[in-house]
């Protein structure tokens, strides 16, 4: 979701739509909340929005280009996608905390 949709749309459009569906399916809302939070965190690192990338661009030295920042963040996006997949595959990773 976060790759193509801005965080505001995720919070105000997607969450109200999927919450009743997950409730009806008796899915634990803590787990859903963590999934949404990770997805939102990833959305801050991915273009076309990637607000964190633009914040970073504002504090980097003059010679660092936006393209270099985009390339540098790829390993972190991959890590977040892996963690998101692990949370989906093994919900107990999140549920044991509560």
Protein backbone atom coordinates (compact mmCIF):
# COMPACT_ATOMS: atom_id res chain seq x y z
CA UNK A 1 0.00 0.00 0.00
CA UNK A 2 2.58 2.54 1.07
CA UNK A 3 4.43 2.33 -2.20
CA UNK A 4 1.58 3.86 -4.18
CA UNK A 5 -0.67 5.58 -1.66
CA UNK A 6 0.17 8.50 0.61
CA UNK A 7 -0.01 7.90 4.37
CA UNK A 8 -3.02 10.21 4.74
CA UNK A 9 -5.02 8.15 2.26
CA UNK A 10 -3.97 4.96 4.01
CA UNK A 11 -5.12 6.27 7.38
CA UNK A 12 -8.34 7.97 6.32
CA UNK A 13 -9.50 5.72 3.45
CA UNK A 14 -7.93 2.25 3.66
CA UNK A 15 -8.03 1.75 7.45
CA UNK A 16 -11.77 2.53 7.84
CA UNK A 17 -12.54 0.19 4.95
CA UNK A 18 -10.48 -2.80 6.12
CA UNK A 19 -11.09 -2.50 9.87
CA UNK A 20 -14.69 -3.83 9.79
CA UNK A 21 -13.61 -6.61 7.44
CA UNK A 22 -10.85 -7.75 9.80
CA UNK A 23 -13.22 -7.43 12.77
CA UNK A 24 -15.77 -9.62 11.01
CA UNK A 25 -13.05 -12.18 10.29
CA UNK A 26 -12.08 -12.17 14.01
CA UNK A 27 -8.53 -11.07 13.22
CA UNK A 28 -6.69 -9.58 16.18
CA UNK A 29 -6.66 -5.81 15.71
CA UNK A 30 -3.27 -5.47 17.44
CA UNK A 31 -1.76 -7.55 14.66
CA UNK A 32 -3.56 -5.49 12.01
CA UNK A 33 -2.38 -2.28 13.68
CA UNK A 34 1.24 -3.42 13.61
CA UNK A 35 0.91 -4.37 9.94
CA UNK A 36 -0.51 -0.96 9.13
CA UNK A 37 2.19 0.79 11.19
CA UNK A 38 4.97 -1.07 9.37
CA UNK A 39 3.32 -0.30 6.07
CA UNK A 40 3.08 3.39 6.96
CA UNK A 41 6.73 3.39 7.99
CA UNK A 42 7.66 1.89 4.62
CA UNK A 43 5.55 4.50 2.83
CA UNK A 44 7.76 7.23 4.29
CA UNK A 45 10.78 5.67 2.55
CA UNK A 46 9.38 4.87 -0.88
CA UNK A 47 8.87 7.17 -3.83
CA UNK A 48 6.77 8.85 -5.18
CA UNK A 49 5.92 10.33 -1.76
CA UNK A 50 8.76 9.25 0.54
CA UNK A 51 8.57 12.16 2.94
CA UNK A 52 11.52 10.89 4.99
CA UNK A 53 13.67 11.02 1.86
CA UNK A 54 12.84 14.66 1.30
CA UNK A 55 13.52 15.45 4.97
CA UNK A 56 16.87 13.71 4.61
CA UNK A 57 17.62 15.68 1.43
CA UNK A 58 17.10 18.87 3.42
CA UNK A 59 19.90 18.05 5.86
CA UNK A 60 22.44 16.37 3.56
CA UNK A 61 25.53 18.13 2.23
CA UNK A 62 25.29 20.06 -1.04
CA UNK A 63 26.76 17.27 -3.22
CA UNK A 64 24.27 14.53 -2.29
CA UNK A 65 21.57 14.12 -4.92
CA UNK A 66 18.02 12.90 -4.45
CA UNK A 67 18.85 9.97 -6.71
CA UNK A 68 21.69 8.93 -4.38
CA UNK A 69 19.31 9.06 -1.43
CA UNK A 70 16.77 6.91 -3.30
CA UNK A 71 19.46 4.33 -4.09
CA UNK A 72 20.82 4.40 -0.53
CA UNK A 73 17.46 3.66 1.05
CA UNK A 74 16.84 0.47 -0.99
CA UNK A 75 18.46 -1.91 1.58
CA UNK A 76 16.30 -0.44 4.34
CA UNK A 77 13.15 -0.86 2.27
CA UNK A 78 14.09 -4.49 1.61
CA UNK A 79 14.60 -5.06 5.35
CA UNK A 80 11.21 -3.53 6.11
CA UNK A 81 9.50 -5.68 3.48
CA UNK A 82 11.14 -8.79 4.93
CA UNK A 83 10.00 -7.87 8.46
CA UNK A 84 6.50 -7.15 7.17
CA UNK A 85 6.43 -10.56 5.47
CA UNK A 86 7.63 -12.21 8.70
CA UNK A 87 4.87 -10.51 10.67
CA UNK A 88 2.30 -11.72 8.15
CA UNK A 89 3.71 -15.26 8.15
CA UNK A 90 4.29 -15.47 11.91
CA UNK A 91 1.74 -13.29 13.77
CA UNK A 92 3.01 -14.62 17.08
CA UNK A 93 6.08 -12.39 16.66
CA UNK A 94 3.79 -9.46 17.42
CA UNK A 95 1.19 -11.18 19.56
CA UNK A 96 3.64 -12.49 22.19
CA UNK A 97 4.54 -8.91 23.08
CA UNK A 98 1.02 -8.07 24.24
